[in-house]
Amino acid sequence: MPKGRESGMPEAEVWQGFFDPAHILDRLDCDHPGNVVEFG
């Protein structure tokens, strides 16, 4: 199947390297059970 229009967005593997959820939750002091954080 031909590839659709190129969006210029990085591959999924690259995106995974942009975020470190454990580090973010630690910096926000949200690593306690019962806390919920949503980024979007």
N, C-alpha and C. Protein backbone atom coordinates (compact mmCIF):
# COMPACT_ATOMS: atom_id res chain seq x y z
N MET A 1 0.85 -1.18 0.00
CA MET A 1 0.00 0.00 0.00
C MET A 1 0.90 1.24 0.00
N PRO A 2 0.62 2.19 -0.88
CA PRO A 2 1.45 3.39 -0.92
C PRO A 2 1.31 4.24 0.35
N LYS A 3 2.41 4.86 0.69
CA LYS A 3 2.42 5.71 1.88
C LYS A 3 1.67 7.00 1.56
N GLY A 4 0.92 7.51 2.55
CA GLY A 4 0.19 8.76 2.38
C GLY A 4 1.13 9.95 2.38
N ARG A 5 0.58 11.10 2.37
CA ARG A 5 1.37 12.33 2.35
C ARG A 5 2.30 12.39 3.55
N GLU A 6 3.55 12.74 3.32
CA GLU A 6 4.54 12.83 4.40
C GLU A 6 4.22 14.06 5.26
N SER A 7 4.07 13.83 6.56
CA SER A 7 3.71 14.92 7.46
C SER A 7 4.92 15.64 8.03
N GLY A 8 6.10 15.02 7.94
CA GLY A 8 7.28 15.62 8.53
C GLY A 8 7.42 15.29 10.01
N MET A 9 6.50 14.52 10.55
CA MET A 9 6.53 14.15 11.96
C MET A 9 7.54 13.02 12.15
N PRO A 10 8.22 12.99 13.30
CA PRO A 10 9.17 11.90 13.56
C PRO A 10 8.45 10.55 13.68
N GLU A 11 9.23 9.50 13.53
CA GLU A 11 8.69 8.15 13.72
C GLU A 11 8.31 7.95 15.19
N ALA A 12 7.47 6.96 15.47
CA ALA A 12 6.97 6.69 16.82
C ALA A 12 8.11 6.44 17.80
N GLU A 13 9.18 5.79 17.35
CA GLU A 13 10.30 5.50 18.24
C GLU A 13 10.96 6.79 18.72
N VAL A 14 11.00 7.80 17.88
CA VAL A 14 11.59 9.08 18.26
C VAL A 14 10.72 9.76 19.32
N TRP A 15 9.42 9.73 19.14
CA TRP A 15 8.50 10.36 20.11
C TRP A 15 8.67 9.75 21.49
N GLN A 16 8.88 8.44 21.56
CA GLN A 16 9.02 7.77 22.85
C GLN A 16 10.20 8.32 23.64
N GLY A 17 11.21 8.81 22.96
CA GLY A 17 12.38 9.34 23.63
C GLY A 17 12.18 10.76 24.17
N PHE A 18 11.10 11.43 23.78
CA PHE A 18 10.87 12.81 24.20
C PHE A 18 10.35 12.90 25.63
N PHE A 19 9.75 11.87 26.12
CA PHE A 19 9.06 11.92 27.40
C PHE A 19 9.57 10.84 28.36
N ASP A 20 9.71 11.20 29.59
CA ASP A 20 10.09 10.26 30.64
C ASP A 20 9.03 10.41 31.74
N PRO A 21 7.91 9.65 31.63
CA PRO A 21 6.80 9.81 32.57
C PRO A 21 7.22 9.70 34.03
N ALA A 22 8.09 8.76 34.36
CA ALA A 22 8.50 8.60 35.76
C ALA A 22 9.21 9.85 36.26
N HIS A 23 10.05 10.43 35.45
CA HIS A 23 10.77 11.65 35.83
C HIS A 23 9.80 12.82 35.99
N ILE A 24 8.86 12.96 35.07
CA ILE A 24 7.87 14.05 35.14
C ILE A 24 7.05 13.93 36.41
N LEU A 25 6.56 12.73 36.72
CA LEU A 25 5.76 12.54 37.93
C LEU A 25 6.57 12.81 39.18
N ASP A 26 7.84 12.44 39.18
CA ASP A 26 8.70 12.71 40.32
C ASP A 26 8.89 14.21 40.51
N ARG A 27 9.14 14.93 39.43
CA ARG A 27 9.34 16.38 39.51
C ARG A 27 8.07 17.10 39.97
N LEU A 28 6.91 16.57 39.63
CA LEU A 28 5.64 17.17 40.04
C LEU A 28 5.17 16.67 41.40
N ASP A 29 5.95 15.79 42.01
CA ASP A 29 5.60 15.17 43.29
C ASP A 29 4.24 14.49 43.19
N CYS A 30 4.05 13.78 42.09
CA CYS A 30 2.78 13.08 41.84
C CYS A 30 2.99 11.58 41.73
N ASP A 31 3.98 11.07 42.45
CA ASP A 31 4.25 9.64 42.35
C ASP A 31 3.60 8.85 43.48
N HIS A 32 2.61 9.44 44.13
CA HIS A 32 1.92 8.78 45.23
C HIS A 32 0.71 8.01 44.69
N PRO A 33 0.42 6.83 45.19
CA PRO A 33 -0.75 6.08 44.72
C PRO A 33 -2.02 6.92 44.87
N GLY A 34 -2.85 6.85 43.86
CA GLY A 34 -4.12 7.56 43.89
C GLY A 34 -4.10 8.88 43.14
N ASN A 35 -2.89 9.42 42.85
CA ASN A 35 -2.80 10.65 42.09
C ASN A 35 -2.97 10.35 40.61
N VAL A 36 -3.62 11.25 39.90
CA VAL A 36 -3.81 11.10 38.47
C VAL A 36 -3.35 12.39 37.79
N VAL A 37 -2.54 12.25 36.76
CA VAL A 37 -2.05 13.39 36.00
C VAL A 37 -2.30 13.10 34.54
N GLU A 38 -2.85 14.08 33.83
CA GLU A 38 -3.05 13.93 32.40
C GLU A 38 -2.42 15.13 31.69
N PHE A 39 -1.61 14.84 30.69
CA PHE A 39 -1.05 15.88 29.85
C PHE A 39 -1.67 15.73 28.48
N GLY A 40 -2.24 16.75 27.99
CA GLY A 40 -2.82 16.62 26.66
C GLY A 40 -3.33 17.90 26.11
